[in-house]
Amino acid sequence: MLERLAVSIYAAWLMLGLNQLGPIINVDEAKSPYSNSRRLITSADVGNNAGRAPGASTPGGNSPKGKDGKLLYTHPVNEVGKSVQPEERCRKHLK
């Protein structure tokens, strides 16, 4: 179920052309600035509560912070990742 949901989200990102702004990057496994990608995912535990999930477009009180207390997912808007080919599993989902 979760994998199907993730692929649906990734497919929506493709329809928006976000693959032109970088690859899908798991922030739990990569270092900032995450290849300047605009397609960031996380495995952060939100206690099965979607209301606590971090929002990449609007950071809030529940957004994950580093040891220094700064938000983890902020980045200059004019710095974007390199364009990548659409992921095969997402293209299949679009058919």
Protein backbone atom coordinates (compact mmCIF):
# COMPACT_ATOMS: atom_id res chain seq x y z
CA MET A 1 0.00 0.00 0.00
CA LEU A 2 2.66 2.51 1.02
CA GLU A 3 4.77 1.69 -2.03
CA ARG A 4 1.75 2.24 -4.31
CA LEU A 5 1.08 5.58 -2.66
CA ALA A 6 4.72 6.61 -3.04
CA VAL A 7 4.74 5.66 -6.73
CA SER A 8 1.53 7.68 -7.22
CA ILE A 9 3.17 10.71 -5.65
CA TYR A 10 6.31 10.25 -7.74
CA ALA A 11 4.16 9.95 -10.87
CA ALA A 12 2.43 13.22 -9.96
CA TRP A 13 5.85 14.82 -9.61
CA LEU A 14 6.65 13.64 -13.14
CA MET A 15 3.44 15.17 -14.48
CA LEU A 16 4.53 18.45 -12.88
CA GLY A 17 7.95 18.15 -14.51
CA LEU A 18 9.80 18.03 -11.19
CA ASN A 19 12.27 15.48 -12.57
CA GLN A 20 13.75 18.50 -14.36
CA LEU A 21 14.71 19.85 -10.92
CA GLY A 22 16.62 16.83 -9.64
CA PRO A 23 16.35 13.17 -8.63
CA ILE A 24 14.28 11.71 -5.77
CA ILE A 25 16.48 12.04 -2.67
CA ASN A 26 15.83 10.47 0.73
CA VAL A 27 17.02 13.10 3.19
CA ASP A 28 17.63 10.41 5.81
CA GLU A 29 20.30 8.86 3.60
CA ALA A 30 21.92 11.93 2.00
CA LYS A 31 23.65 15.10 3.11
CA SER A 32 22.45 18.64 2.64
CA PRO A 33 22.02 20.24 0.11
CA TYR A 34 20.62 16.94 -1.26
CA SER A 35 21.98 17.49 -4.77
CA ASN A 36 19.82 20.65 -4.88
CA SER A 37 16.85 18.42 -5.74
CA ARG A 38 13.27 19.55 -5.39
CA ARG A 39 12.06 15.97 -4.86
CA LEU A 40 12.87 15.17 -1.25
CA ILE A 41 11.44 12.26 0.69
CA THR A 42 11.91 11.09 4.27
CA SER A 43 11.29 8.04 6.41
CA ALA A 44 10.83 10.20 9.51
CA ASP A 45 8.55 8.61 12.10
CA VAL A 46 5.46 10.76 12.53
CA GLY A 47 3.66 8.22 14.70
CA ASN A 48 1.26 7.25 11.90
CA ASN A 49 -0.18 10.78 12.08
CA ALA A 50 -0.28 12.55 8.71
CA GLY A 51 -0.87 15.84 10.52
CA ARG A 52 2.65 15.62 11.96
CA ALA A 53 4.33 14.95 8.62
CA PRO A 54 6.90 17.56 7.59
CA GLY A 55 5.78 19.90 4.84
CA ALA A 56 8.50 20.71 2.35
CA SER A 57 6.69 23.76 1.00
CA THR A 58 5.77 25.23 4.36
CA PRO A 59 7.99 24.25 7.28
CA GLY A 60 6.24 24.36 10.64
CA GLY A 61 6.64 23.36 14.24
CA ASN A 62 6.71 19.65 13.38
CA SER A 63 9.37 20.02 10.67
CA PRO A 64 12.54 18.08 11.53
CA LYS A 65 15.46 20.12 12.81
CA GLY A 66 19.17 19.43 12.97
CA LYS A 67 21.27 19.26 16.13
CA ASP A 68 21.81 23.01 15.79
CA GLY A 69 18.04 23.61 15.92
CA LYS A 70 17.81 24.82 12.32
CA LEU A 71 15.25 23.42 9.90
CA LEU A 72 16.66 20.59 7.80
CA TYR A 73 14.73 21.25 4.60
CA THR A 74 15.43 24.87 3.73
CA HIS A 75 17.31 25.80 0.57
CA PRO A 76 17.78 28.81 -1.74
CA VAL A 77 15.03 28.71 -4.38
CA ASN A 78 17.35 29.55 -7.27
CA GLU A 79 19.58 26.49 -6.72
CA VAL A 80 18.03 23.41 -8.33
CA GLY A 81 19.19 19.88 -9.09
CA LYS A 82 20.18 18.49 -12.46
CA SER A 83 17.43 17.22 -14.70
CA VAL A 84 17.02 13.43 -14.63
CA GLN A 85 15.11 10.94 -16.76
CA PRO A 86 11.72 9.89 -15.36
CA GLU A 87 11.97 6.83 -13.15
CA GLU A 88 10.74 3.68 -14.92
CA ARG A 89 8.41 2.64 -12.08
CA CYS A 90 6.70 6.03 -12.30
CA ARG A 91 6.33 6.00 -16.08
CA LYS A 92 4.61 2.61 -15.86
CA HIS A 93 2.16 4.06 -13.33
CA LEU A 94 1.20 6.89 -15.73
CA LYS A 95 -0.05 4.49 -18.44
